[in-house]
Amino acid sequence: MEYLYHYYDKSAGPFRNLSDLAPEEAEHVLADIRQKNKGFASNRSADYLDIRRSLEHKAREAFIAKGGRPVRQQPHYMTFGSCPWLLEWYPSGMELRIPLDCFSPGCISFTYGDLFPTMRVLDGKPYRGQVYLLTEIREVISQFGWPQEWNAGGTHGPERYIEVQVWEDPPQIF
């Protein structure tokens, strides 16, 4: 059985999403995270939320162009396969594992690596700037392997996991 994984801080709970908040509220929450130096998010740039919204919009449009049927305007984020390194992003990191079949294939897209470097790094790799359907990401994995395995330490580039953009609310099985 295949699983999708969600990483989050225990104090906040799973599937809390800055993109679901109004821009001013999201900025306030991010400012609080920065001030308290709470994990990886405390190091994000001043224009992080603007870039994030732009990339999410780009990913959503690319997904729709491939036949995706997103329900949400912004995705929730998961990984295809586990990536324990992501636990380090949070002061009290937690991992949630949900079977892939609990999600509608028409509501999940994939990037080979985190959305930010996938859509912004210009190094000529064929998976840059691409959003994949489930059948397509399997082909990419067959060609390039699992980044969680060949780049677990991050020494070979920014791709350290396969990101899943979940364009529907997650199942309430947790």
N, C-alpha and C. Protein backbone atom coordinates (compact mmCIF):
# COMPACT_ATOMS: atom_id res chain seq x y z
N MET A 1 0.84 -1.18 0.00
CA MET A 1 0.00 0.00 0.00
C MET A 1 0.89 1.25 0.00
N GLU A 2 0.49 2.24 -0.78
CA GLU A 2 1.23 3.49 -0.85
C GLU A 2 0.59 4.53 0.08
N TYR A 3 1.45 5.42 0.60
CA TYR A 3 0.98 6.42 1.56
C TYR A 3 1.43 7.82 1.17
N LEU A 4 0.62 8.77 1.59
CA LEU A 4 1.01 10.17 1.56
C LEU A 4 1.29 10.57 3.00
N TYR A 5 2.27 11.45 3.19
CA TYR A 5 2.70 11.85 4.53
C TYR A 5 2.52 13.35 4.69
N HIS A 6 2.10 13.72 5.89
CA HIS A 6 1.94 15.14 6.22
C HIS A 6 2.77 15.42 7.46
N TYR A 7 3.57 16.47 7.40
CA TYR A 7 4.44 16.86 8.52
C TYR A 7 3.94 18.18 9.08
N TYR A 8 3.94 18.28 10.41
CA TYR A 8 3.39 19.46 11.07
C TYR A 8 3.94 19.55 12.49
N ASP A 9 3.69 20.70 13.12
CA ASP A 9 4.10 20.87 14.51
C ASP A 9 2.97 20.42 15.43
N LYS A 10 3.31 19.68 16.45
CA LYS A 10 2.32 19.13 17.38
C LYS A 10 1.45 20.23 17.99
N SER A 11 2.02 21.38 18.28
CA SER A 11 1.26 22.45 18.93
C SER A 11 0.20 23.06 18.00
N ALA A 12 0.41 22.99 16.70
CA ALA A 12 -0.54 23.57 15.74
C ALA A 12 -1.55 22.56 15.23
N GLY A 13 -1.15 21.30 15.14
CA GLY A 13 -2.03 20.27 14.57
C GLY A 13 -1.85 20.18 13.07
N PRO A 14 -2.39 19.11 12.48
CA PRO A 14 -2.20 18.88 11.04
C PRO A 14 -3.08 19.77 10.17
N PHE A 15 -2.62 19.93 8.96
CA PHE A 15 -3.35 20.62 7.89
C PHE A 15 -3.76 22.05 8.26
N ARG A 16 -2.87 22.75 8.93
CA ARG A 16 -3.03 24.20 9.17
C ARG A 16 -2.31 24.87 8.02
N ASN A 17 -2.96 25.78 7.35
CA ASN A 17 -2.44 26.27 6.09
C ASN A 17 -2.46 27.80 6.05
N LEU A 18 -1.29 28.42 5.95
CA LEU A 18 -1.23 29.88 5.84
C LEU A 18 -2.01 30.40 4.64
N SER A 19 -2.05 29.63 3.59
CA SER A 19 -2.74 30.07 2.37
C SER A 19 -4.25 30.14 2.55
N ASP A 20 -4.78 29.50 3.58
CA ASP A 20 -6.22 29.56 3.84
C ASP A 20 -6.61 30.87 4.53
N LEU A 21 -5.62 31.58 5.05
CA LEU A 21 -5.89 32.81 5.78
C LEU A 21 -5.90 34.01 4.84
N ALA A 22 -6.60 35.05 5.26
CA ALA A 22 -6.54 36.32 4.53
C ALA A 22 -5.09 36.79 4.55
N PRO A 23 -4.65 37.51 3.51
CA PRO A 23 -3.23 37.91 3.44
C PRO A 23 -2.71 38.60 4.70
N GLU A 24 -3.48 39.51 5.27
CA GLU A 24 -3.01 40.23 6.46
C GLU A 24 -2.87 39.29 7.65
N GLU A 25 -3.83 38.38 7.79
CA GLU A 25 -3.77 37.42 8.90
C GLU A 25 -2.60 36.46 8.72
N ALA A 26 -2.37 36.01 7.49
CA ALA A 26 -1.25 35.11 7.22
C ALA A 26 0.08 35.81 7.53
N GLU A 27 0.20 37.08 7.16
CA GLU A 27 1.41 37.84 7.47
C GLU A 27 1.62 37.95 8.98
N HIS A 28 0.52 38.17 9.72
CA HIS A 28 0.59 38.27 11.18
C HIS A 28 1.07 36.93 11.78
N VAL A 29 0.50 35.83 11.32
CA VAL A 29 0.90 34.50 11.83
C VAL A 29 2.37 34.24 11.51
N LEU A 30 2.79 34.55 10.28
CA LEU A 30 4.18 34.33 9.90
C LEU A 30 5.12 35.23 10.71
N ALA A 31 4.70 36.46 10.96
CA ALA A 31 5.52 37.36 11.79
C ALA A 31 5.69 36.80 13.19
N ASP A 32 4.64 36.21 13.73
CA ASP A 32 4.70 35.60 15.06
C ASP A 32 5.66 34.40 15.06
N ILE A 33 5.60 33.60 14.01
CA ILE A 33 6.51 32.46 13.88
C ILE A 33 7.96 32.95 13.82
N ARG A 34 8.18 34.01 13.05
CA ARG A 34 9.55 34.56 12.95
C ARG A 34 10.03 35.08 14.30
N GLN A 35 9.15 35.83 14.98
CA GLN A 35 9.53 36.43 16.25
C GLN A 35 9.88 35.36 17.29
N LYS A 36 9.11 34.28 17.30
CA LYS A 36 9.35 33.22 18.27
C LYS A 36 10.39 32.21 17.79
N ASN A 37 10.91 32.44 16.57
CA ASN A 37 11.93 31.56 16.00
C ASN A 37 11.47 30.10 16.03
N LYS A 38 10.24 29.88 15.55
CA LYS A 38 9.62 28.56 15.61
C LYS A 38 9.92 27.74 14.35
N GLY A 39 11.03 27.05 14.34
CA GLY A 39 11.35 26.12 13.28
C GLY A 39 11.73 26.76 11.96
N PHE A 40 11.68 25.94 10.91
CA PHE A 40 12.10 26.33 9.58
C PHE A 40 11.36 27.56 9.07
N ALA A 41 10.06 27.65 9.35
CA ALA A 41 9.25 28.76 8.83
C ALA A 41 9.73 30.12 9.34
N SER A 42 10.45 30.14 10.44
CA SER A 42 10.92 31.42 10.99
C SER A 42 11.99 32.06 10.10
N ASN A 43 12.56 31.30 9.16
CA ASN A 43 13.61 31.81 8.28
C ASN A 43 13.10 32.26 6.91
N ARG A 44 11.80 32.25 6.73
CA ARG A 44 11.25 32.58 5.41
C ARG A 44 11.38 34.06 5.11
N SER A 45 11.58 34.36 3.83
CA SER A 45 11.81 35.73 3.38
C SER A 45 10.57 36.61 3.54
N ALA A 46 10.77 37.91 3.47
CA ALA A 46 9.67 38.87 3.63
C ALA A 46 8.61 38.71 2.55
N ASP A 47 9.01 38.28 1.35
CA ASP A 47 8.04 38.12 0.25
C ASP A 47 7.55 36.68 0.10
N TYR A 48 7.79 35.85 1.11
CA TYR A 48 7.44 34.43 1.04
C TYR A 48 5.97 34.21 0.68
N LEU A 49 5.06 34.88 1.36
CA LEU A 49 3.63 34.63 1.11
C LEU A 49 3.20 35.04 -0.29
N ASP A 50 3.75 36.13 -0.80
CA ASP A 50 3.43 36.53 -2.18
C ASP A 50 3.92 35.48 -3.18
N ILE A 51 5.14 35.02 -2.98
CA ILE A 51 5.70 34.00 -3.87
C ILE A 51 4.89 32.72 -3.75
N ARG A 52 4.55 32.33 -2.54
CA ARG A 52 3.78 31.10 -2.31
C ARG A 52 2.44 31.16 -3.03
N ARG A 53 1.71 32.25 -2.88
CA ARG A 53 0.41 32.37 -3.55
C ARG A 53 0.55 32.31 -5.07
N SER A 54 1.59 32.95 -5.59
CA SER A 54 1.83 32.93 -7.03
C SER A 54 2.14 31.51 -7.52
N LEU A 55 2.99 30.79 -6.80
CA LEU A 55 3.34 29.43 -7.19
C LEU A 55 2.15 28.49 -7.05
N GLU A 56 1.35 28.67 -6.01
CA GLU A 56 0.16 27.84 -5.84
C GLU A 56 -0.83 28.06 -6.99
N HIS A 57 -0.98 29.31 -7.41
CA HIS A 57 -1.86 29.62 -8.53
C HIS A 57 -1.33 28.96 -9.81
N LYS A 58 -0.04 29.07 -10.03
CA LYS A 58 0.59 28.47 -11.22
C LYS A 58 0.41 26.95 -11.21
N ALA A 59 0.62 26.32 -10.06
CA ALA A 59 0.47 24.87 -9.95
C ALA A 59 -0.99 24.46 -10.18
N ARG A 60 -1.91 25.21 -9.64
CA ARG A 60 -3.35 24.90 -9.80
C ARG A 60 -3.74 24.99 -11.28
N GLU A 61 -3.30 26.04 -11.95
CA GLU A 61 -3.63 26.20 -13.37
C GLU A 61 -3.02 25.07 -14.21
N ALA A 62 -1.78 24.69 -13.92
CA ALA A 62 -1.13 23.58 -14.64
C ALA A 62 -1.86 22.27 -14.38
N PHE A 63 -2.31 22.07 -13.16
CA PHE A 63 -3.05 20.86 -12.80
C PHE A 63 -4.38 20.81 -13.55
N ILE A 64 -5.10 21.90 -13.59
CA ILE A 64 -6.37 21.96 -14.32
C ILE A 64 -6.14 21.68 -15.81
N ALA A 65 -5.07 22.23 -16.35
CA ALA A 65 -4.76 22.02 -17.77
C ALA A 65 -4.52 20.55 -18.09
N LYS A 66 -4.10 19.78 -17.09
CA LYS A 66 -3.88 18.34 -17.29
C LYS A 66 -5.12 17.51 -16.95
N GLY A 67 -6.21 18.18 -16.61
CA GLY A 67 -7.44 17.45 -16.30
C GLY A 67 -7.74 17.33 -14.82
N GLY A 68 -6.91 17.94 -13.97
CA GLY A 68 -7.17 17.91 -12.52
C GLY A 68 -8.46 18.65 -12.20
N ARG A 69 -9.07 18.25 -11.10
CA ARG A 69 -10.33 18.87 -10.67
C ARG A 69 -10.20 19.34 -9.22
N PRO A 70 -9.44 20.42 -9.01
CA PRO A 70 -9.25 20.89 -7.64
C PRO A 70 -10.54 21.43 -7.03
N VAL A 71 -10.72 21.16 -5.76
CA VAL A 71 -11.86 21.67 -4.99
C VAL A 71 -11.42 22.93 -4.26
N ARG A 72 -10.24 22.89 -3.69
CA ARG A 72 -9.68 24.02 -2.94
C ARG A 72 -8.97 24.98 -3.88
N GLN A 73 -8.90 26.25 -3.47
CA GLN A 73 -8.13 27.24 -4.22
C GLN A 73 -6.63 27.07 -3.97
N GLN A 74 -6.26 26.71 -2.74
CA GLN A 74 -4.87 26.49 -2.38
C GLN A 74 -4.75 25.07 -1.85
N PRO A 75 -3.60 24.46 -2.10
CA PRO A 75 -3.47 23.06 -1.67
C PRO A 75 -3.02 22.91 -0.22
N HIS A 76 -3.30 21.74 0.30
CA HIS A 76 -2.60 21.26 1.49
C HIS A 76 -1.37 20.54 0.95
N TYR A 77 -0.34 20.43 1.78
CA TYR A 77 0.90 19.83 1.32
C TYR A 77 1.19 18.52 2.04
N MET A 78 1.62 17.54 1.25
CA MET A 78 2.02 16.25 1.77
C MET A 78 3.24 15.80 0.96
N THR A 79 3.77 14.63 1.29
CA THR A 79 4.82 14.03 0.48
C THR A 79 4.36 12.66 0.04
N PHE A 80 4.87 12.24 -1.12
CA PHE A 80 4.63 10.89 -1.62
C PHE A 80 5.79 10.07 -1.09
N GLY A 81 5.52 9.20 -0.15
CA GLY A 81 6.58 8.50 0.57
C GLY A 81 7.03 9.33 1.75
N SER A 82 7.66 8.68 2.69
CA SER A 82 8.07 9.40 3.90
C SER A 82 9.33 10.22 3.66
N CYS A 83 9.49 11.24 4.47
CA CYS A 83 10.68 12.10 4.42
C CYS A 83 10.94 12.58 5.85
N PRO A 84 11.54 11.74 6.68
CA PRO A 84 11.75 12.10 8.09
C PRO A 84 12.48 13.41 8.31
N TRP A 85 13.27 13.84 7.34
CA TRP A 85 13.97 15.12 7.45
C TRP A 85 13.00 16.26 7.73
N LEU A 86 11.79 16.18 7.20
CA LEU A 86 10.81 17.26 7.40
C LEU A 86 10.39 17.41 8.85
N LEU A 87 10.57 16.41 9.67
CA LEU A 87 10.27 16.54 11.10
C LEU A 87 11.13 17.64 11.73
N GLU A 88 12.31 17.86 11.16
CA GLU A 88 13.23 18.88 11.69
C GLU A 88 12.75 20.30 11.43
N TRP A 89 11.77 20.47 10.56
CA TRP A 89 11.25 21.81 10.26
C TRP A 89 10.47 22.40 11.43
N TYR A 90 10.07 21.56 12.37
CA TYR A 90 9.15 21.98 13.43
C TYR A 90 9.76 21.74 14.80
N PRO A 91 9.42 22.62 15.77
CA PRO A 91 9.93 22.41 17.14
C PRO A 91 9.51 21.05 17.71
N SER A 92 8.27 20.64 17.44
CA SER A 92 7.76 19.33 17.88
C SER A 92 7.14 18.64 16.67
N GLY A 93 8.01 18.21 15.75
CA GLY A 93 7.54 17.64 14.49
C GLY A 93 6.76 16.35 14.66
N MET A 94 5.71 16.25 13.86
CA MET A 94 4.86 15.06 13.85
C MET A 94 4.69 14.60 12.40
N GLU A 95 4.44 13.30 12.23
CA GLU A 95 4.22 12.73 10.92
C GLU A 95 2.86 12.04 10.91
N LEU A 96 2.08 12.32 9.88
CA LEU A 96 0.78 11.70 9.69
C LEU A 96 0.84 10.93 8.38
N ARG A 97 0.43 9.67 8.40
CA ARG A 97 0.49 8.81 7.21
C ARG A 97 -0.94 8.42 6.83
N ILE A 98 -1.31 8.71 5.58
CA ILE A 98 -2.66 8.42 5.09
C ILE A 98 -2.53 7.62 3.79
N PRO A 99 -3.28 6.52 3.65
CA PRO A 99 -3.20 5.74 2.41
C PRO A 99 -3.56 6.60 1.19
N LEU A 100 -2.81 6.42 0.13
CA LEU A 100 -3.02 7.16 -1.11
C LEU A 100 -4.45 7.00 -1.61
N ASP A 101 -5.04 5.78 -1.47
CA ASP A 101 -6.40 5.57 -2.00
C ASP A 101 -7.47 6.35 -1.26
N CYS A 102 -7.14 7.02 -0.18
CA CYS A 102 -8.12 7.86 0.52
C CYS A 102 -8.33 9.19 -0.19
N PHE A 103 -7.53 9.46 -1.21
CA PHE A 103 -7.62 10.73 -1.94
C PHE A 103 -8.14 10.49 -3.35
N SER A 104 -8.89 11.45 -3.84
CA SER A 104 -9.37 11.40 -5.21
C SER A 104 -8.21 11.73 -6.15
N PRO A 105 -7.92 10.87 -7.12
CA PRO A 105 -6.82 11.16 -8.05
C PRO A 105 -6.99 12.50 -8.79
N GLY A 106 -8.22 12.94 -8.97
CA GLY A 106 -8.47 14.21 -9.63
C GLY A 106 -8.21 15.42 -8.75
N CYS A 107 -7.83 15.17 -7.49
CA CYS A 107 -7.60 16.27 -6.54
C CYS A 107 -6.20 16.28 -5.96
N ILE A 108 -5.27 15.51 -6.55
CA ILE A 108 -3.89 15.54 -6.07
C ILE A 108 -2.93 15.71 -7.25
N SER A 109 -2.02 16.63 -7.08
CA SER A 109 -0.95 16.84 -8.06
C SER A 109 0.38 16.64 -7.35
N PHE A 110 1.42 16.52 -8.15
CA PHE A 110 2.74 16.20 -7.62
C PHE A 110 3.80 17.08 -8.27
N THR A 111 4.82 17.40 -7.49
CA THR A 111 6.02 18.01 -8.04
C THR A 111 7.21 17.18 -7.59
N TYR A 112 8.21 17.07 -8.45
CA TYR A 112 9.40 16.32 -8.11
C TYR A 112 10.30 17.26 -7.33
N GLY A 113 10.06 17.29 -6.04
CA GLY A 113 10.70 18.23 -5.14
C GLY A 113 9.67 19.21 -4.62
N ASP A 114 10.06 20.02 -3.68
CA ASP A 114 9.21 21.05 -3.11
C ASP A 114 8.76 22.02 -4.20
N LEU A 115 7.56 22.53 -4.07
CA LEU A 115 6.99 23.44 -5.07
C LEU A 115 7.90 24.63 -5.35
N PHE A 116 8.52 25.20 -4.30
CA PHE A 116 9.34 26.40 -4.49
C PHE A 116 10.53 26.15 -5.42
N PRO A 117 11.44 25.24 -5.10
CA PRO A 117 12.54 25.05 -6.04
C PRO A 117 12.09 24.44 -7.37
N THR A 118 11.09 23.57 -7.34
CA THR A 118 10.63 22.97 -8.59
C THR A 118 10.20 24.03 -9.59
N MET A 119 9.52 25.05 -9.10
CA MET A 119 9.00 26.09 -9.99
C MET A 119 9.93 27.28 -10.18
N ARG A 120 11.00 27.37 -9.39
CA ARG A 120 11.84 28.57 -9.45
C ARG A 120 13.29 28.32 -9.85
N VAL A 121 13.82 27.13 -9.61
CA VAL A 121 15.21 26.86 -9.95
C VAL A 121 15.33 26.61 -11.45
N LEU A 122 16.24 27.28 -12.07
CA LEU A 122 16.45 27.17 -13.52
C LEU A 122 17.78 26.47 -13.79
N ASP A 123 17.76 25.14 -13.71
CA ASP A 123 18.99 24.39 -13.92
C ASP A 123 18.87 23.38 -15.06
N GLY A 124 17.78 23.45 -15.82
CA GLY A 124 17.64 22.59 -16.99
C GLY A 124 17.14 21.18 -16.71
N LYS A 125 16.92 20.83 -15.45
CA LYS A 125 16.42 19.49 -15.16
C LYS A 125 15.00 19.37 -15.72
N PRO A 126 14.66 18.24 -16.33
CA PRO A 126 13.38 18.13 -17.04
C PRO A 126 12.14 18.21 -16.15
N TYR A 127 12.28 18.00 -14.87
CA TYR A 127 11.12 18.04 -13.98
C TYR A 127 10.90 19.43 -13.37
N ARG A 128 11.74 20.40 -13.69
CA ARG A 128 11.54 21.77 -13.20
C ARG A 128 10.33 22.39 -13.90
N GLY A 129 9.57 23.15 -13.14
CA GLY A 129 8.41 23.84 -13.68
C GLY A 129 7.24 22.94 -14.02
N GLN A 130 7.31 21.68 -13.60
CA GLN A 130 6.29 20.70 -13.97
C GLN A 130 5.41 20.31 -12.79
N VAL A 131 4.13 20.13 -13.09
CA VAL A 131 3.17 19.56 -12.15
C VAL A 131 2.70 18.26 -12.78
N TYR A 132 2.65 17.20 -11.99
CA TYR A 132 2.34 15.88 -12.52
C TYR A 132 1.06 15.30 -11.93
N LEU A 133 0.40 14.47 -12.71
CA LEU A 133 -0.68 13.62 -12.22
C LEU A 133 -0.05 12.37 -11.62
N LEU A 134 -0.83 11.57 -10.91
CA LEU A 134 -0.29 10.37 -10.26
C LEU A 134 0.39 9.44 -11.28
N THR A 135 -0.24 9.18 -12.41
CA THR A 135 0.37 8.28 -13.40
C THR A 135 1.68 8.86 -13.91
N GLU A 136 1.75 10.16 -14.06
CA GLU A 136 2.96 10.80 -14.57
C GLU A 136 4.09 10.78 -13.55
N ILE A 137 3.78 11.01 -12.28
CA ILE A 137 4.85 11.05 -11.28
C ILE A 137 5.47 9.67 -11.12
N ARG A 138 4.69 8.63 -11.33
CA ARG A 138 5.26 7.26 -11.28
C ARG A 138 6.32 7.10 -12.37
N GLU A 139 6.08 7.66 -13.55
CA GLU A 139 7.06 7.60 -14.64
C GLU A 139 8.32 8.39 -14.28
N VAL A 140 8.13 9.56 -13.67
CA VAL A 140 9.27 10.38 -13.26
C VAL A 140 10.10 9.64 -12.21
N ILE A 141 9.42 9.00 -11.26
CA ILE A 141 10.13 8.23 -10.23
C ILE A 141 10.89 7.08 -10.88
N SER A 142 10.28 6.43 -11.86
CA SER A 142 10.94 5.34 -12.56
C SER A 142 12.23 5.82 -13.24
N GLN A 143 12.19 7.03 -13.76
CA GLN A 143 13.35 7.59 -14.46
C GLN A 143 14.41 8.15 -13.52
N PHE A 144 13.98 8.86 -12.46
CA PHE A 144 14.94 9.60 -11.63
C PHE A 144 15.09 9.04 -10.21
N GLY A 145 14.20 8.15 -9.80
CA GLY A 145 14.26 7.59 -8.45
C GLY A 145 13.56 8.47 -7.43
N TRP A 146 13.62 8.05 -6.18
CA TRP A 146 13.00 8.77 -5.07
C TRP A 146 14.01 9.74 -4.48
N PRO A 147 13.75 11.04 -4.51
CA PRO A 147 14.70 12.00 -3.93
C PRO A 147 14.98 11.71 -2.46
N GLN A 148 13.99 11.15 -1.75
CA GLN A 148 14.18 10.82 -0.34
C GLN A 148 15.31 9.80 -0.18
N GLU A 149 15.57 9.03 -1.22
CA GLU A 149 16.62 8.03 -1.15
C GLU A 149 17.96 8.57 -1.69
N TRP A 150 17.94 9.17 -2.88
CA TRP A 150 19.22 9.58 -3.47
C TRP A 150 19.71 10.93 -2.99
N ASN A 151 18.84 11.68 -2.28
CA ASN A 151 19.27 13.00 -1.80
C ASN A 151 18.77 13.28 -0.38
N ALA A 152 18.76 12.27 0.46
CA ALA A 152 18.25 12.43 1.82
C ALA A 152 18.96 13.55 2.58
N GLY A 153 20.23 13.73 2.34
CA GLY A 153 21.00 14.76 3.04
C GLY A 153 20.99 16.12 2.37
N GLY A 154 20.41 16.21 1.18
CA GLY A 154 20.32 17.48 0.48
C GLY A 154 21.60 17.94 -0.20
N THR A 155 22.55 17.04 -0.36
CA THR A 155 23.84 17.44 -0.96
C THR A 155 23.82 17.45 -2.49
N HIS A 156 22.76 16.93 -3.10
CA HIS A 156 22.70 16.83 -4.56
C HIS A 156 21.67 17.76 -5.19
N GLY A 157 21.26 18.79 -4.47
CA GLY A 157 20.29 19.73 -5.01
C GLY A 157 19.10 19.93 -4.09
N PRO A 158 18.14 20.73 -4.51
CA PRO A 158 17.02 21.06 -3.62
C PRO A 158 15.93 20.00 -3.53
N GLU A 159 15.92 19.03 -4.45
CA GLU A 159 14.86 18.02 -4.40
C GLU A 159 15.20 16.97 -3.34
N ARG A 160 14.36 16.94 -2.29
CA ARG A 160 14.60 15.98 -1.19
C ARG A 160 13.40 15.09 -0.95
N TYR A 161 12.31 15.36 -1.65
CA TYR A 161 11.09 14.55 -1.54
C TYR A 161 10.20 14.88 -2.71
N ILE A 162 9.20 14.06 -2.90
CA ILE A 162 8.17 14.33 -3.89
C ILE A 162 7.02 14.97 -3.15
N GLU A 163 6.69 16.20 -3.55
CA GLU A 163 5.61 16.92 -2.87
C GLU A 163 4.28 16.60 -3.53
N VAL A 164 3.26 16.53 -2.69
CA VAL A 164 1.89 16.32 -3.15
C VAL A 164 1.09 17.57 -2.80
N GLN A 165 0.42 18.11 -3.79
CA GLN A 165 -0.49 19.22 -3.54
C GLN A 165 -1.89 18.60 -3.49
N VAL A 166 -2.52 18.68 -2.33
CA VAL A 166 -3.85 18.09 -2.13
C VAL A 166 -4.87 19.21 -2.30
N TRP A 167 -5.65 19.09 -3.36
CA TRP A 167 -6.60 20.14 -3.75
C TRP A 167 -8.01 19.85 -3.25
N GLU A 168 -8.13 19.13 -2.19
CA GLU A 168 -9.38 18.86 -1.49
C GLU A 168 -9.04 18.78 -0.01
N ASP A 169 -10.05 18.86 0.84
CA ASP A 169 -9.77 18.69 2.25
C ASP A 169 -9.41 17.23 2.50
N PRO A 170 -8.44 16.99 3.38
CA PRO A 170 -7.99 15.61 3.61
C PRO A 170 -9.09 14.80 4.29
N PRO A 171 -9.02 13.49 4.12
CA PRO A 171 -10.02 12.64 4.79
C PRO A 171 -9.90 12.76 6.30
N GLN A 172 -10.98 12.65 6.98
CA GLN A 172 -11.00 12.78 8.45
C GLN A 172 -10.77 11.43 9.11
N ILE A 173 -9.63 10.81 8.79
CA ILE A 173 -9.34 9.49 9.35
C ILE A 173 -8.29 9.56 10.45
N PHE A 174 -7.82 10.76 10.76
CA PHE A 174 -6.76 10.87 11.76
C PHE A 174 -7.31 11.42 13.04
